[in-house]
Protein backbone atom coordinates (compact mmCIF):
# COMPACT_ATOMS: atom_id res chain seq x y z
CA MET A 1 14.79 91.69 -8.92
CA THR A 2 12.04 88.98 -7.01
CA THR A 3 12.05 85.92 -8.67
CA LEU A 4 8.67 83.95 -8.38
CA THR A 5 8.68 80.65 -7.55
CA ARG A 6 5.83 78.37 -8.39
CA THR A 7 4.87 75.45 -6.38
CA ARG A 8 3.86 72.25 -8.11
CA ARG A 9 1.03 70.77 -6.49
CA ALA A 10 0.78 66.96 -6.05
CA PRO A 11 -1.97 65.38 -8.56
CA ALA A 12 -5.59 65.18 -7.36
CA ALA A 13 -5.84 61.08 -6.25
CA ARG A 14 -8.82 60.11 -9.31
CA PRO A 15 -11.66 59.22 -7.91
CA VAL A 16 -12.32 55.63 -8.27
CA ARG A 17 -14.87 54.64 -10.78
CA LEU A 18 -17.71 51.92 -10.01
CA ASP A 19 -18.50 50.84 -12.73
CA ALA A 20 -15.10 49.72 -13.49
CA PHE A 21 -15.59 46.96 -11.07
CA ARG A 22 -19.22 45.80 -12.68
CA ALA A 23 -19.20 42.95 -14.82
CA THR A 24 -19.75 42.88 -18.37
CA PRO A 25 -22.09 40.91 -20.95
CA LEU A 26 -19.37 39.04 -21.67
CA THR A 27 -18.12 37.74 -17.99
CA LYS A 28 -22.05 37.26 -17.16
CA VAL A 29 -22.13 34.81 -20.57
CA ALA A 30 -19.03 32.88 -19.25
CA LEU A 31 -20.22 32.64 -15.94
CA GLY A 32 -23.23 31.13 -17.18
CA PHE A 33 -21.38 29.14 -19.47
CA ALA A 34 -19.13 27.64 -16.39
CA ILE A 35 -22.10 27.47 -14.01
CA PHE A 36 -24.07 25.47 -17.07
CA LEU A 37 -21.33 22.96 -17.55
CA SER A 38 -20.74 22.32 -13.44
CA ILE A 39 -24.56 21.61 -13.01
CA PHE A 40 -25.81 20.15 -16.10
CA PRO A 41 -24.19 16.27 -15.23
CA LEU A 42 -25.97 16.87 -12.00
CA TYR A 43 -29.24 17.49 -13.90
CA TRP A 44 -28.84 14.96 -16.66
CA MET A 45 -27.90 12.02 -13.59
CA ILE A 46 -31.11 12.95 -11.85
CA ILE A 47 -33.09 13.01 -15.16
CA ILE A 48 -31.91 9.25 -15.83
CA ALA A 49 -33.12 8.30 -12.54
CA THR A 50 -36.52 9.49 -12.72
CA ARG A 51 -36.77 7.46 -16.24
CA SER A 52 -36.11 3.40 -17.60
CA ASN A 53 -33.11 1.73 -18.32
CA GLU A 54 -33.99 2.31 -22.03
CA ASP A 55 -34.34 5.77 -22.00
CA ALA A 56 -30.66 6.10 -20.96
CA HIS A 57 -29.34 4.83 -24.15
CA SER A 58 -31.84 6.67 -26.57
CA MET A 59 -30.32 9.34 -28.83
CA PRO A 60 -30.86 12.34 -28.28
CA PRO A 61 -30.91 11.67 -24.78
CA PRO A 62 -33.70 12.90 -22.54
CA LEU A 63 -33.39 16.37 -20.99
CA LEU A 64 -36.87 16.66 -18.97
CA PRO A 65 -37.89 14.24 -15.86
CA GLY A 66 -39.96 10.80 -15.95
CA GLY A 67 -42.22 9.69 -13.64
CA ASN A 68 -40.31 6.57 -12.70
CA LEU A 69 -38.40 8.34 -9.54
CA GLY A 70 -39.83 6.48 -7.03
CA GLU A 71 -39.77 2.85 -8.28
CA ASN A 72 -36.46 3.36 -9.20
CA ILE A 73 -35.26 4.03 -6.01
CA LYS A 74 -37.47 1.76 -4.13
CA ALA A 75 -35.76 -0.75 -6.63
CA VAL A 76 -32.01 0.70 -4.98
CA PHE A 77 -32.98 -0.19 -1.42
CA GLU A 78 -34.48 -3.56 -2.55
CA ALA A 79 -31.72 -4.92 -4.29
CA GLU A 80 -30.06 -7.93 -2.31
CA ASN A 81 -26.62 -7.68 -3.38
CA ALA A 82 -26.13 -3.88 -2.61
CA HIS A 83 -27.73 -3.38 1.01
CA PHE A 84 -27.56 0.05 0.32
CA MET A 85 -29.51 1.12 3.14
CA THR A 86 -26.81 -0.58 5.22
CA GLY A 87 -24.53 1.38 3.58
CA ILE A 88 -26.17 4.47 4.06
CA VAL A 89 -26.28 4.46 7.21
CA ASN A 90 -22.24 3.14 8.20
CA SER A 91 -21.49 5.70 5.90
CA LEU A 92 -23.26 8.19 8.40
CA ILE A 93 -21.99 6.86 11.31
CA ILE A 94 -18.04 6.75 9.78
CA ALA A 95 -18.47 10.44 8.45
CA THR A 96 -20.01 11.88 11.31
CA THR A 97 -17.51 10.28 13.86
CA VAL A 98 -14.66 10.78 12.05
CA THR A 99 -15.59 14.44 11.34
CA LEU A 100 -16.21 15.50 15.07
CA ALA A 101 -12.89 13.79 15.59
CA VAL A 102 -10.75 15.75 13.12
CA VAL A 103 -12.50 19.12 13.36
CA ILE A 104 -11.86 19.02 17.47
CA ILE A 105 -8.45 17.62 17.27
CA SER A 106 -7.29 19.77 14.62
CA ALA A 107 -8.68 22.89 16.28
CA LEU A 108 -7.33 21.91 19.41
CA ALA A 109 -3.84 20.87 17.53
CA GLY A 110 -4.08 24.57 15.39
CA PHE A 111 -4.51 26.54 18.48
CA ALA A 112 -1.62 25.06 20.38
CA PHE A 113 0.66 25.02 17.48
CA ALA A 114 -0.34 28.84 16.78
CA SER A 115 -0.67 30.22 20.38
CA LEU A 116 1.47 28.33 22.46
CA GLN A 117 5.14 27.80 22.98
CA PHE A 118 6.70 25.26 23.62
CA ARG A 119 9.96 23.09 22.94
CA GLY A 120 10.00 20.99 19.49
CA ARG A 121 6.98 22.90 18.54
CA ASN A 122 8.39 23.45 14.93
CA VAL A 123 9.82 20.09 14.75
CA LEU A 124 6.23 19.01 15.39
CA LEU A 125 4.38 21.14 12.87
CA LEU A 126 7.23 19.99 10.39
CA SER A 127 6.26 16.38 10.85
CA ILE A 128 2.57 16.89 10.31
CA VAL A 129 3.45 18.67 7.00
CA LEU A 130 5.58 15.90 6.00
CA THR A 131 2.30 13.77 6.37
CA MET A 132 0.81 15.14 3.68
CA MET A 133 3.56 14.94 1.01
CA VAL A 134 3.14 10.82 1.15
CA PRO A 135 0.14 8.50 -0.03
CA LEU A 136 -0.05 7.18 3.93
CA GLN A 137 -2.97 5.13 2.52
CA GLN A 138 -1.93 3.78 -0.85
CA MET A 139 1.69 3.00 0.97
CA GLY A 140 0.20 1.59 4.21
CA ILE A 141 -2.54 -0.36 3.38
CA VAL A 142 -0.97 -3.48 3.77
CA PRO A 143 0.02 -3.16 6.95
CA LEU A 144 -3.10 -1.69 8.05
CA TYR A 145 -4.92 -4.08 6.83
CA GLN A 146 -2.61 -6.68 8.92
CA MET A 147 -3.28 -4.32 12.20
CA MET A 148 -6.85 -4.89 11.92
CA VAL A 149 -6.68 -8.32 11.40
CA THR A 150 -4.23 -8.59 14.60
CA LEU A 151 -7.00 -6.47 16.33
CA GLY A 152 -9.69 -8.68 15.15
CA TRP A 153 -11.27 -5.09 13.65
CA THR A 154 -12.04 -6.89 10.28
CA ASN A 155 -15.58 -6.12 8.74
CA THR A 156 -16.19 -3.89 11.63
CA LEU A 157 -17.00 0.39 11.48
CA LYS A 158 -13.69 0.64 13.44
CA ALA A 159 -11.66 -0.48 11.08
CA VAL A 160 -13.12 2.32 8.52
CA ILE A 161 -13.30 4.95 11.38
CA LEU A 162 -9.77 4.51 13.07
CA PRO A 163 -7.46 5.41 10.17
CA PHE A 164 -8.84 8.45 9.53
CA LEU A 165 -9.43 10.21 12.98
CA VAL A 166 -6.56 12.37 12.77
CA ASN A 167 -5.76 14.73 9.49
CA GLY A 168 -2.18 16.56 8.75
CA PHE A 169 -4.27 18.63 6.81
CA GLY A 170 -6.47 19.67 9.40
CA VAL A 171 -4.12 19.96 11.75
CA PHE A 172 -2.22 22.57 9.29
CA MET A 173 -5.43 24.21 8.01
CA MET A 174 -6.27 25.29 11.75
CA THR A 175 -3.07 26.17 12.79
CA GLN A 176 -2.82 28.56 9.88
CA TYR A 177 -6.15 29.93 10.45
CA THR A 178 -5.43 30.12 14.31
CA GLN A 179 -2.77 32.52 13.54
CA GLN A 180 -4.47 35.20 11.36
CA ALA A 181 -7.77 35.02 13.50
CA VAL A 182 -6.80 35.07 16.50
CA PRO A 183 -4.08 37.55 18.13
CA ARG A 184 -1.66 36.21 20.58
CA GLU A 185 -1.87 39.34 22.30
CA LEU A 186 -5.45 38.61 23.38
CA VAL A 187 -4.53 35.56 24.43
CA GLU A 188 -1.86 36.95 26.56
CA ALA A 189 -4.53 39.24 27.52
CA ALA A 190 -6.58 36.26 28.74
CA ARG A 191 -3.73 34.36 30.52
CA VAL A 192 -3.42 37.41 32.65
CA ASP A 193 -6.60 38.13 33.63
CA GLY A 194 -6.15 34.36 35.11
CA ALA A 195 -7.96 32.12 32.49
CA SER A 196 -6.63 28.26 31.66
CA THR A 197 -5.33 27.24 28.36
CA LEU A 198 -8.49 25.14 27.71
CA ARG A 199 -10.78 27.89 28.64
CA ILE A 200 -8.88 30.73 26.46
CA TRP A 201 -9.29 28.19 23.80
CA PHE A 202 -12.90 27.78 24.27
CA ASN A 203 -13.83 32.11 25.10
CA VAL A 204 -11.44 33.29 23.24
CA ALA A 205 -10.38 31.08 20.13
CA LEU A 206 -13.29 28.80 19.41
CA PRO A 207 -15.16 31.55 18.38
CA ALA A 208 -13.09 33.43 16.15
CA VAL A 209 -11.70 29.89 14.13
CA ARG A 210 -15.41 28.64 13.86
CA PRO A 211 -15.83 29.49 9.87
CA GLY A 212 -12.42 27.43 9.32
CA MET A 213 -14.06 24.60 11.56
CA ALA A 214 -16.82 24.79 9.05
CA VAL A 215 -14.98 24.86 5.82
CA LEU A 216 -12.57 21.93 7.29
CA ALA A 217 -16.22 19.89 8.79
CA ILE A 218 -17.55 20.08 5.31
CA GLN A 219 -14.25 18.94 3.38
CA THR A 220 -13.94 16.12 6.03
CA PHE A 221 -17.31 14.81 6.04
CA MET A 222 -17.28 15.04 1.79
CA LEU A 223 -13.99 12.80 1.68
CA ILE A 224 -14.85 10.46 4.03
CA TRP A 225 -18.34 10.03 2.51
CA ASN A 226 -16.74 9.57 -0.90
CA GLU A 227 -13.95 7.04 0.29
CA PHE A 228 -14.00 3.70 -1.39
CA MET A 229 -11.02 1.31 -1.33
CA TRP A 230 -10.05 1.17 2.43
CA PRO A 231 -13.83 0.08 3.03
CA LEU A 232 -13.96 -1.85 0.20
CA ILE A 233 -10.91 -3.93 1.35
CA VAL A 234 -11.54 -3.87 5.13
CA LEU A 235 -15.67 -4.57 5.06
CA THR A 236 -17.26 -7.22 3.70
CA PRO A 237 -20.46 -7.07 0.52
CA ASP A 238 -22.96 -7.53 3.80
CA ASN A 239 -21.90 -4.56 5.52
CA PRO A 240 -20.65 -1.98 3.08
CA THR A 241 -20.82 1.91 3.04
CA VAL A 242 -22.58 3.78 0.33
CA GLN A 243 -19.76 3.77 -1.83
CA VAL A 244 -19.10 0.23 -1.87
CA ALA A 245 -23.05 -0.63 -1.94
CA LEU A 246 -23.28 1.75 -5.35
CA ARG A 247 -20.77 -0.77 -6.85
CA ALA A 248 -22.78 -3.59 -6.11
CA LEU A 249 -25.86 -2.09 -8.15
CA ASN A 250 -23.44 -2.51 -11.50
CA ASP A 251 -24.47 -5.85 -13.01
CA ARG A 252 -22.05 -8.15 -13.54
CA TYR A 253 -22.72 -8.85 -17.51
CA SER A 254 -24.86 -4.88 -18.12
CA THR A 255 -24.76 -1.56 -16.23
CA ASN A 256 -28.29 -0.36 -15.01
CA TYR A 257 -27.53 3.44 -15.47
CA VAL A 258 -31.30 3.68 -14.04
CA LEU A 259 -30.21 2.03 -10.08
CA ILE A 260 -26.66 3.73 -10.20
CA PHE A 261 -28.07 7.46 -10.70
CA ALA A 262 -31.20 6.93 -8.63
CA GLY A 263 -28.49 5.44 -5.52
CA THR A 264 -26.03 8.22 -6.39
CA THR A 265 -29.04 11.11 -6.28
CA VAL A 266 -29.84 9.62 -2.86
CA SER A 267 -26.50 9.44 -1.39
CA ILE A 268 -25.85 13.15 -2.40
CA ILE A 269 -28.53 14.27 0.28
CA PRO A 270 -26.67 14.33 3.11
CA LEU A 271 -24.05 16.09 1.28
CA LEU A 272 -26.25 18.95 0.43
CA LEU A 273 -27.59 19.03 3.82
CA VAL A 274 -24.19 18.99 5.51
CA PHE A 275 -23.29 21.63 2.81
CA VAL A 276 -26.78 23.86 3.98
CA PHE A 277 -25.99 23.76 7.70
CA PHE A 278 -22.28 24.25 7.61
CA GLY A 279 -22.72 27.10 4.54
CA ARG A 280 -24.83 29.00 6.83
CA GLN A 281 -21.52 28.97 9.69
CA ILE A 282 -19.20 29.79 7.06
CA ILE A 283 -21.06 32.89 5.62
CA GLY A 284 -22.23 33.93 8.76
CA GLY A 285 -18.70 34.08 10.43
CA LEU A 286 -17.50 35.81 7.22
CA MET A 287 -19.88 38.69 7.59
CA GLU A 288 -19.25 39.00 11.42
CA GLY A 289 -15.37 39.83 10.65
CA ALA A 290 -16.49 42.06 8.35
CA VAL A 291 -18.42 43.80 10.46
CA LYS A 292 -15.59 44.03 12.99
CA ALA A 293 -13.10 45.15 10.30
């Protein structure tokens, strides 16, 4: 008598339903509401910048643009106590210089920590991470100001640029990004071929970490452009940055929202241009990585 044994087959894998990843109508409504809440303050600021100061206090508030944008922007640049044009030029110089320095130094340091072997590497990286846990600018503002007075740099752009040339977060970010984007085997292969360390960074690591550098550039430029406390302390009202100039538009006894919003509208234009320029670099780098994968 023979016994028949039945072999059980493994259950077939269920096909993935593509419609499961499609957004439902409720998801689209929620996303639309979130986008509205994010954009409406910016939209209302631009609307008030195109109207008169009386419209800013009217109820219900105006929701359509007016025809006073040119006059309001002209009044911002002609305000004697604000020095708005000087503030924009100073902020462009400071933000551009600091951004270039932070991105280059962070990329080089990140490559060194991620791809090179040297004594004390972990200790140095840990010390950099520890600096991110302490608000050095707020805690060291008094000795930092005394240093600028000793150097004779008060009311100069050097006093605003120097404290921000190196960013601990930028070094840590580029270290983590380089570890993921640049395999150590690729670095060793380039070294076997006779390439120097600087050539390996320029020809091997730099193309791979360019999207991370673009993200760091956007973040650094926005951070320095919006910096207010340190320029207010170390610079005079005649030589301000754009944020200090916006503060000077606020009258001592009353608030002119039209001038403030018009000045703010002008001040965000460089940020938008930086985001558009570096945003293409980020998207291009992500698409390049997706194609290679």
